[in-house]
Amino acid sequence: MKKTQIVLLIVIMAAIAGLISIFGDFSSYETFASASKEPGKSYYIIGTLDTSKAMQYDPRVDANHFTFYANDKAGSNTKVVFNGEKPRDIEKSEQIVMMGYMKEGTFHCSRIQMKCPSKYKKDQIAVGKG
């Protein structure tokens, strides 16, 4: 094989690996119900903030504890505990992508990505402490 063919083959393999990693993430979005079938296993869940229920965050007591309720894409409403600061403007987000696991009926979230309503604002990501 010529050197150009080897380089081209490597570029093609890298492109295929990149596509697989990108599309592999899309298939991993779950609902609260499916996450509760395997407690402790980490999942990505797409949802919306339930503004009809109170959020709990008091930085004077614990700055790394934020509790709220979210609805997943199936409409299930679940309590979410985030081990980090309350993300700024979470109330204005159109959608929330949460990474975490279920434990005793509560979703314990370690990462939140908020989808902003304006096309001029970038999505915000909040990462918890553990």
C-alpha atoms as a PDB file:
ATOM      1  CA  MET A   1       0.000   0.000   0.000  1.00  0.00           C
ATOM      2  CA  LYS A   2       1.073   3.526  -0.705  1.00  0.00           C
ATOM      3  CA  LYS A   3       1.494   6.033   2.084  1.00  0.00           C
ATOM      4  CA  THR A   4      -1.435   8.114   0.805  1.00  0.00           C
ATOM      5  CA  GLN A   5      -3.715   5.075   0.880  1.00  0.00           C
ATOM      6  CA  ILE A   6      -2.694   4.308   4.464  1.00  0.00           C
ATOM      7  CA  VAL A   7      -3.330   7.926   5.523  1.00  0.00           C
ATOM      8  CA  LEU A   8      -6.701   7.929   3.727  1.00  0.00           C
ATOM      9  CA  LEU A   9      -7.666   4.667   5.454  1.00  0.00           C
ATOM     10  CA  ILE A  10      -6.774   6.126   8.859  1.00  0.00           C
ATOM     11  CA  VAL A  11      -8.827   9.283   8.152  1.00  0.00           C
ATOM     12  CA  ILE A  12     -11.836   7.179   7.117  1.00  0.00           C
ATOM     13  CA  MET A  13     -11.567   5.027  10.266  1.00  0.00           C
ATOM     14  CA  ALA A  14     -11.363   8.149  12.440  1.00  0.00           C
ATOM     15  CA  ALA A  15     -14.450   9.611  10.740  1.00  0.00           C
ATOM     16  CA  ILE A  16     -16.398   6.386  11.290  1.00  0.00           C
ATOM     17  CA  ALA A  17     -15.356   6.276  14.945  1.00  0.00           C
ATOM     18  CA  GLY A  18     -16.461   9.904  15.377  1.00  0.00           C
ATOM     19  CA  LEU A  19     -19.863   9.223  13.828  1.00  0.00           C
ATOM     20  CA  ILE A  20     -20.386   6.174  16.016  1.00  0.00           C
ATOM     21  CA  SER A  21     -19.573   8.153  19.162  1.00  0.00           C
ATOM     22  CA  ILE A  22     -21.927  10.987  18.167  1.00  0.00           C
ATOM     23  CA  PHE A  23     -24.882   8.779  17.292  1.00  0.00           C
ATOM     24  CA  GLY A  24     -24.235   6.466  20.260  1.00  0.00           C
ATOM     25  CA  ASP A  25     -25.157   9.324  22.630  1.00  0.00           C
ATOM     26  CA  PHE A  26     -28.551   9.889  20.997  1.00  0.00           C
ATOM     27  CA  SER A  27     -29.721   6.362  21.725  1.00  0.00           C
ATOM     28  CA  SER A  28     -28.915   6.632  25.428  1.00  0.00           C
ATOM     29  CA  TYR A  29     -31.718   9.057  26.371  1.00  0.00           C
ATOM     30  CA  GLU A  30     -34.189   7.346  28.680  1.00  0.00           C
ATOM     31  CA  THR A  31     -37.228   8.110  30.814  1.00  0.00           C
ATOM     32  CA  PHE A  32     -37.545   8.082  34.601  1.00  0.00           C
ATOM     33  CA  ALA A  33     -39.512   4.813  34.362  1.00  0.00           C
ATOM     34  CA  SER A  34     -36.826   3.000  32.403  1.00  0.00           C
ATOM     35  CA  ALA A  35     -34.088   4.397  34.674  1.00  0.00           C
ATOM     36  CA  SER A  36     -35.934   3.117  37.754  1.00  0.00           C
ATOM     37  CA  LYS A  37     -35.746  -0.440  36.393  1.00  0.00           C
ATOM     38  CA  GLU A  38     -31.971  -0.374  36.958  1.00  0.00           C
ATOM     39  CA  PRO A  39     -31.270   1.758  40.059  1.00  0.00           C
ATOM     40  CA  GLY A  40     -27.696   2.991  40.300  1.00  0.00           C
ATOM     41  CA  LYS A  41     -27.034   2.823  36.560  1.00  0.00           C
ATOM     42  CA  SER A  42     -26.299   6.201  34.968  1.00  0.00           C
ATOM     43  CA  TYR A  43     -28.694   7.561  32.333  1.00  0.00           C
ATOM     44  CA  TYR A  44     -29.339  10.728  30.347  1.00  0.00           C
ATOM     45  CA  ILE A  45     -32.924  11.955  30.666  1.00  0.00           C
ATOM     46  CA  ILE A  46     -34.473  14.790  28.681  1.00  0.00           C
ATOM     47  CA  GLY A  47     -37.161  16.697  30.516  1.00  0.00           C
ATOM     48  CA  THR A  48     -38.681  19.989  31.489  1.00  0.00           C
ATOM     49  CA  LEU A  49     -38.734  21.783  34.812  1.00  0.00           C
ATOM     50  CA  ASP A  50     -42.026  21.415  36.697  1.00  0.00           C
ATOM     51  CA  THR A  51     -42.670  24.996  37.786  1.00  0.00           C
ATOM     52  CA  SER A  52     -45.878  24.039  39.606  1.00  0.00           C
ATOM     53  CA  LYS A  53     -43.832  22.418  42.391  1.00  0.00           C
ATOM     54  CA  ALA A  54     -41.409  24.231  44.666  1.00  0.00           C
ATOM     55  CA  MET A  55     -37.664  24.107  44.183  1.00  0.00           C
ATOM     56  CA  GLN A  56     -35.480  23.802  47.273  1.00  0.00           C
ATOM     57  CA  TYR A  57     -32.119  25.544  47.408  1.00  0.00           C
ATOM     58  CA  ASP A  58     -30.605  27.285  50.421  1.00  0.00           C
ATOM     59  CA  PRO A  59     -26.900  28.091  49.938  1.00  0.00           C
ATOM     60  CA  ARG A  60     -26.562  29.014  53.622  1.00  0.00           C
ATOM     61  CA  VAL A  61     -27.468  25.449  54.651  1.00  0.00           C
ATOM     62  CA  ASP A  62     -25.850  23.504  51.786  1.00  0.00           C
ATOM     63  CA  ALA A  63     -24.646  25.282  48.641  1.00  0.00           C
ATOM     64  CA  ASN A  64     -24.277  21.943  46.830  1.00  0.00           C
ATOM     65  CA  HIS A  65     -27.820  20.644  47.226  1.00  0.00           C
ATOM     66  CA  PHE A  66     -30.605  21.635  44.840  1.00  0.00           C
ATOM     67  CA  THR A  67     -33.937  19.778  44.654  1.00  0.00           C
ATOM     68  CA  PHE A  68     -36.614  20.221  42.004  1.00  0.00           C
ATOM     69  CA  TYR A  69     -39.238  18.269  40.056  1.00  0.00           C
ATOM     70  CA  ALA A  70     -38.996  17.470  36.358  1.00  0.00           C
ATOM     71  CA  ASN A  71     -41.225  15.909  33.709  1.00  0.00           C
ATOM     72  CA  ASP A  72     -39.564  13.518  31.266  1.00  0.00           C
ATOM     73  CA  LYS A  73     -40.511  13.113  27.596  1.00  0.00           C
ATOM     74  CA  ALA A  74     -43.085  10.445  28.585  1.00  0.00           C
ATOM     75  CA  GLY A  75     -44.780  12.893  30.992  1.00  0.00           C
ATOM     76  CA  SER A  76     -43.631  11.221  34.212  1.00  0.00           C
ATOM     77  CA  ASN A  77     -42.998  13.655  37.087  1.00  0.00           C
ATOM     78  CA  THR A  78     -40.079  12.833  39.391  1.00  0.00           C
ATOM     79  CA  LYS A  79     -38.126  14.507  42.171  1.00  0.00           C
ATOM     80  CA  VAL A  80     -34.560  15.369  41.111  1.00  0.00           C
ATOM     81  CA  VAL A  81     -31.649  15.979  43.488  1.00  0.00           C
ATOM     82  CA  PHE A  82     -28.661  17.836  42.031  1.00  0.00           C
ATOM     83  CA  ASN A  83     -25.430  17.851  44.020  1.00  0.00           C
ATOM     84  CA  GLY A  84     -24.282  21.273  42.955  1.00  0.00           C
ATOM     85  CA  GLU A  85     -25.297  24.917  42.910  1.00  0.00           C
ATOM     86  CA  LYS A  86     -28.690  25.815  41.512  1.00  0.00           C
ATOM     87  CA  PRO A  87     -28.093  26.523  37.812  1.00  0.00           C
ATOM     88  CA  ARG A  88     -28.683  30.146  36.935  1.00  0.00           C
ATOM     89  CA  ASP A  89     -31.868  30.771  34.913  1.00  0.00           C
ATOM     90  CA  ILE A  90     -33.044  27.152  35.135  1.00  0.00           C
ATOM     91  CA  GLU A  91     -36.587  28.535  35.281  1.00  0.00           C
ATOM     92  CA  LYS A  92     -36.155  30.002  31.771  1.00  0.00           C
ATOM     93  CA  SER A  93     -34.888  26.813  30.134  1.00  0.00           C
ATOM     94  CA  GLU A  94     -37.045  25.111  27.531  1.00  0.00           C
ATOM     95  CA  GLN A  95     -35.537  21.705  28.136  1.00  0.00           C
ATOM     96  CA  ILE A  96     -33.191  20.079  30.634  1.00  0.00           C
ATOM     97  CA  VAL A  97     -30.847  17.191  29.883  1.00  0.00           C
ATOM     98  CA  MET A  98     -29.962  15.463  33.147  1.00  0.00           C
ATOM     99  CA  MET A  99     -27.298  12.827  33.724  1.00  0.00           C
ATOM    100  CA  GLY A 100     -27.659  10.662  36.798  1.00  0.00           C
ATOM    101  CA  TYR A 101     -29.223   7.597  38.361  1.00  0.00           C
ATOM    102  CA  MET A 102     -32.398   6.553  40.154  1.00  0.00           C
ATOM    103  CA  LYS A 103     -32.352   5.722  43.857  1.00  0.00           C
ATOM    104  CA  GLU A 104     -35.500   5.009  45.865  1.00  0.00           C
ATOM    105  CA  GLY A 105     -37.789   6.826  43.415  1.00  0.00           C
ATOM    106  CA  THR A 106     -35.626   9.954  43.199  1.00  0.00           C
ATOM    107  CA  PHE A 107     -33.321  10.862  40.307  1.00  0.00           C
ATOM    108  CA  HIS A 108     -29.867  11.832  41.590  1.00  0.00           C
ATOM    109  CA  CYS A 109     -28.354  14.124  39.025  1.00  0.00           C
ATOM    110  CA  SER A 110     -24.646  14.876  38.591  1.00  0.00           C
ATOM    111  CA  ARG A 111     -24.871  17.019  35.443  1.00  0.00           C
ATOM    112  CA  ILE A 112     -27.508  19.333  33.981  1.00  0.00           C
ATOM    113  CA  GLN A 113     -27.538  20.885  30.519  1.00  0.00           C
ATOM    114  CA  MET A 114     -30.172  23.553  29.995  1.00  0.00           C
ATOM    115  CA  LYS A 115     -31.521  24.260  26.538  1.00  0.00           C
ATOM    116  CA  CYS A 116     -32.067  28.007  26.299  1.00  0.00           C
ATOM    117  CA  PRO A 117     -35.144  29.374  24.517  1.00  0.00           C
ATOM    118  CA  SER A 118     -33.305  32.006  22.509  1.00  0.00           C
ATOM    119  CA  LYS A 119     -31.234  31.130  19.484  1.00  0.00           C
ATOM    120  CA  TYR A 120     -28.840  33.881  20.556  1.00  0.00           C
ATOM    121  CA  LYS A 121     -28.028  32.322  23.929  1.00  0.00           C
ATOM    122  CA  LYS A 122     -25.781  29.302  24.310  1.00  0.00           C
ATOM    123  CA  ASP A 123     -26.886  26.225  26.245  1.00  0.00           C
ATOM    124  CA  GLN A 124     -25.702  26.227  29.851  1.00  0.00           C
ATOM    125  CA  ILE A 125     -24.128  23.231  31.572  1.00  0.00           C
ATOM    126  CA  ALA A 126     -23.964  22.703  35.349  1.00  0.00           C
ATOM    127  CA  VAL A 127     -21.793  19.973  36.851  1.00  0.00           C
ATOM    128  CA  GLY A 128     -22.371  18.697  40.380  1.00  0.00           C
ATOM    129  CA  LYS A 129     -19.876  17.825  43.099  1.00  0.00           C
ATOM    130  CA  GLY A 130     -20.191  14.074  42.965  1.00  0.00           C
END
